[in-house]
Amino acid sequence: MQAPDDVKTGDLLPDHDLAGERPAPLTKAEKARIRVARFQEKNNLAAMTVWLPEELLAQFNAWLAAHPGQKRAAVIERLLKTQLLRKR
């Protein structure tokens, strides 16, 4: 800070932060949400929620347990393509 009678020396520190405003750091949840959104966009994926009767869901989960290599989304995708959306 300069003296009031000093007219030749400028202030060394400006009134504002030189770096500008800094955004708040991202939380783990925000980072995860961004990562999932990037993955979905890259792979052209969309989420879908389905409500099923408990008995049907239990049967489906039992079938998945009997076929350990199968993923839930892959099975649903295959069924939609081969059973519902096939050409007739």
C-alpha atoms as a PDB file:
ATOM      1  CA  MET A   1       0.000   0.000   0.000  1.00  0.00           C
ATOM      2  CA  GLN A   2       1.370   3.415  -0.873  1.00  0.00           C
ATOM      3  CA  ALA A   3       1.526   6.499   1.300  1.00  0.00           C
ATOM      4  CA  PRO A   4      -1.108   9.179   0.641  1.00  0.00           C
ATOM      5  CA  ASP A   5       1.496  11.744  -0.463  1.00  0.00           C
ATOM      6  CA  ASP A   6       3.315   9.308  -2.798  1.00  0.00           C
ATOM      7  CA  VAL A   7       2.177   9.936  -6.382  1.00  0.00           C
ATOM      8  CA  LYS A   8       4.977   8.069  -8.201  1.00  0.00           C
ATOM      9  CA  THR A   9       4.618   4.550  -6.743  1.00  0.00           C
ATOM     10  CA  GLY A  10       1.632   2.506  -7.819  1.00  0.00           C
ATOM     11  CA  ASP A  11      -0.193  -0.005  -5.669  1.00  0.00           C
ATOM     12  CA  LEU A  12       1.421  -3.411  -5.837  1.00  0.00           C
ATOM     13  CA  LEU A  13      -1.795  -5.293  -5.125  1.00  0.00           C
ATOM     14  CA  PRO A  14      -4.952  -4.573  -7.104  1.00  0.00           C
ATOM     15  CA  ASP A  15      -8.381  -4.322  -5.489  1.00  0.00           C
ATOM     16  CA  HIS A  16      -9.479  -7.600  -7.070  1.00  0.00           C
ATOM     17  CA  ASP A  17      -8.079 -11.134  -7.211  1.00  0.00           C
ATOM     18  CA  LEU A  18      -5.816 -11.506 -10.254  1.00  0.00           C
ATOM     19  CA  ALA A  19      -6.894 -15.090 -10.905  1.00  0.00           C
ATOM     20  CA  GLY A  20     -10.585 -14.199 -10.927  1.00  0.00           C
ATOM     21  CA  GLU A  21     -13.317 -16.099  -9.204  1.00  0.00           C
ATOM     22  CA  ARG A  22     -12.605 -19.759  -8.668  1.00  0.00           C
ATOM     23  CA  PRO A  23     -15.420 -22.281  -8.922  1.00  0.00           C
ATOM     24  CA  ALA A  24     -16.104 -24.470  -5.918  1.00  0.00           C
ATOM     25  CA  PRO A  25     -14.382 -27.880  -6.120  1.00  0.00           C
ATOM     26  CA  LEU A  26     -16.564 -30.743  -7.309  1.00  0.00           C
ATOM     27  CA  THR A  27     -17.801 -33.298  -4.808  1.00  0.00           C
ATOM     28  CA  LYS A  28     -17.479 -37.046  -5.383  1.00  0.00           C
ATOM     29  CA  ALA A  29     -21.173 -37.253  -6.290  1.00  0.00           C
ATOM     30  CA  GLU A  30     -20.864 -34.463  -8.866  1.00  0.00           C
ATOM     31  CA  LYS A  31     -17.797 -36.109 -10.402  1.00  0.00           C
ATOM     32  CA  ALA A  32     -19.661 -39.437 -10.597  1.00  0.00           C
ATOM     33  CA  ARG A  33     -22.697 -37.787 -12.191  1.00  0.00           C
ATOM     34  CA  ILE A  34     -20.497 -36.142 -14.829  1.00  0.00           C
ATOM     35  CA  ARG A  35     -18.674 -39.435 -15.492  1.00  0.00           C
ATOM     36  CA  VAL A  36     -21.962 -41.343 -15.928  1.00  0.00           C
ATOM     37  CA  ALA A  37     -23.415 -38.648 -18.198  1.00  0.00           C
ATOM     38  CA  ARG A  38     -20.259 -38.740 -20.363  1.00  0.00           C
ATOM     39  CA  PHE A  39     -20.444 -42.559 -20.570  1.00  0.00           C
ATOM     40  CA  GLN A  40     -24.138 -42.455 -21.534  1.00  0.00           C
ATOM     41  CA  GLU A  41     -23.520 -39.826 -24.198  1.00  0.00           C
ATOM     42  CA  LYS A  42     -20.529 -41.716 -25.618  1.00  0.00           C
ATOM     43  CA  ASN A  43     -22.466 -45.004 -25.877  1.00  0.00           C
ATOM     44  CA  ASN A  44     -25.856 -43.504 -26.863  1.00  0.00           C
ATOM     45  CA  LEU A  45     -27.533 -44.909 -23.749  1.00  0.00           C
ATOM     46  CA  ALA A  46     -30.756 -43.817 -22.109  1.00  0.00           C
ATOM     47  CA  ALA A  47     -32.239 -44.885 -18.796  1.00  0.00           C
ATOM     48  CA  MET A  48     -35.639 -46.498 -18.428  1.00  0.00           C
ATOM     49  CA  THR A  49     -37.555 -47.345 -15.261  1.00  0.00           C
ATOM     50  CA  VAL A  50     -39.915 -50.310 -15.344  1.00  0.00           C
ATOM     51  CA  TRP A  51     -42.371 -51.299 -12.621  1.00  0.00           C
ATOM     52  CA  LEU A  52     -42.985 -55.039 -12.468  1.00  0.00           C
ATOM     53  CA  PRO A  53     -44.982 -57.306 -10.184  1.00  0.00           C
ATOM     54  CA  GLU A  54     -42.836 -58.772  -7.410  1.00  0.00           C
ATOM     55  CA  GLU A  55     -43.417 -62.361  -8.585  1.00  0.00           C
ATOM     56  CA  LEU A  56     -42.224 -61.565 -12.116  1.00  0.00           C
ATOM     57  CA  LEU A  57     -39.166 -59.737 -10.821  1.00  0.00           C
ATOM     58  CA  ALA A  58     -38.335 -62.665  -8.524  1.00  0.00           C
ATOM     59  CA  GLN A  59     -38.558 -65.068 -11.480  1.00  0.00           C
ATOM     60  CA  PHE A  60     -36.378 -62.789 -13.596  1.00  0.00           C
ATOM     61  CA  ASN A  61     -33.768 -62.505 -10.832  1.00  0.00           C
ATOM     62  CA  ALA A  62     -33.801 -66.298 -10.415  1.00  0.00           C
ATOM     63  CA  TRP A  63     -33.214 -66.696 -14.152  1.00  0.00           C
ATOM     64  CA  LEU A  64     -30.320 -64.213 -13.977  1.00  0.00           C
ATOM     65  CA  ALA A  65     -28.827 -66.141 -11.031  1.00  0.00           C
ATOM     66  CA  ALA A  66     -28.988 -69.345 -13.080  1.00  0.00           C
ATOM     67  CA  HIS A  67     -27.176 -67.618 -15.985  1.00  0.00           C
ATOM     68  CA  PRO A  68     -24.248 -65.816 -14.329  1.00  0.00           C
ATOM     69  CA  GLY A  69     -22.740 -64.465 -17.573  1.00  0.00           C
ATOM     70  CA  GLN A  70     -25.853 -62.489 -18.430  1.00  0.00           C
ATOM     71  CA  LYS A  71     -26.324 -58.839 -17.532  1.00  0.00           C
ATOM     72  CA  ARG A  72     -29.773 -57.485 -16.750  1.00  0.00           C
ATOM     73  CA  ALA A  73     -29.628 -54.695 -19.346  1.00  0.00           C
ATOM     74  CA  ALA A  74     -28.336 -57.028 -22.064  1.00  0.00           C
ATOM     75  CA  VAL A  75     -31.142 -59.523 -21.461  1.00  0.00           C
ATOM     76  CA  ILE A  76     -33.819 -56.814 -21.569  1.00  0.00           C
ATOM     77  CA  GLU A  77     -32.267 -55.329 -24.716  1.00  0.00           C
ATOM     78  CA  ARG A  78     -32.192 -58.711 -26.451  1.00  0.00           C
ATOM     79  CA  LEU A  79     -35.807 -59.448 -25.503  1.00  0.00           C
ATOM     80  CA  LEU A  80     -36.985 -56.073 -26.792  1.00  0.00           C
ATOM     81  CA  LYS A  81     -35.172 -56.512 -30.102  1.00  0.00           C
ATOM     82  CA  THR A  82     -36.074 -60.165 -30.734  1.00  0.00           C
ATOM     83  CA  GLN A  83     -39.573 -60.326 -29.287  1.00  0.00           C
ATOM     84  CA  LEU A  84     -41.194 -56.927 -29.315  1.00  0.00           C
ATOM     85  CA  LEU A  85     -39.512 -54.968 -32.115  1.00  0.00           C
ATOM     86  CA  ARG A  86     -38.936 -57.758 -34.644  1.00  0.00           C
ATOM     87  CA  LYS A  87     -40.343 -57.519 -38.156  1.00  0.00           C
ATOM     88  CA  ARG A  88     -43.502 -59.514 -38.665  1.00  0.00           C
END
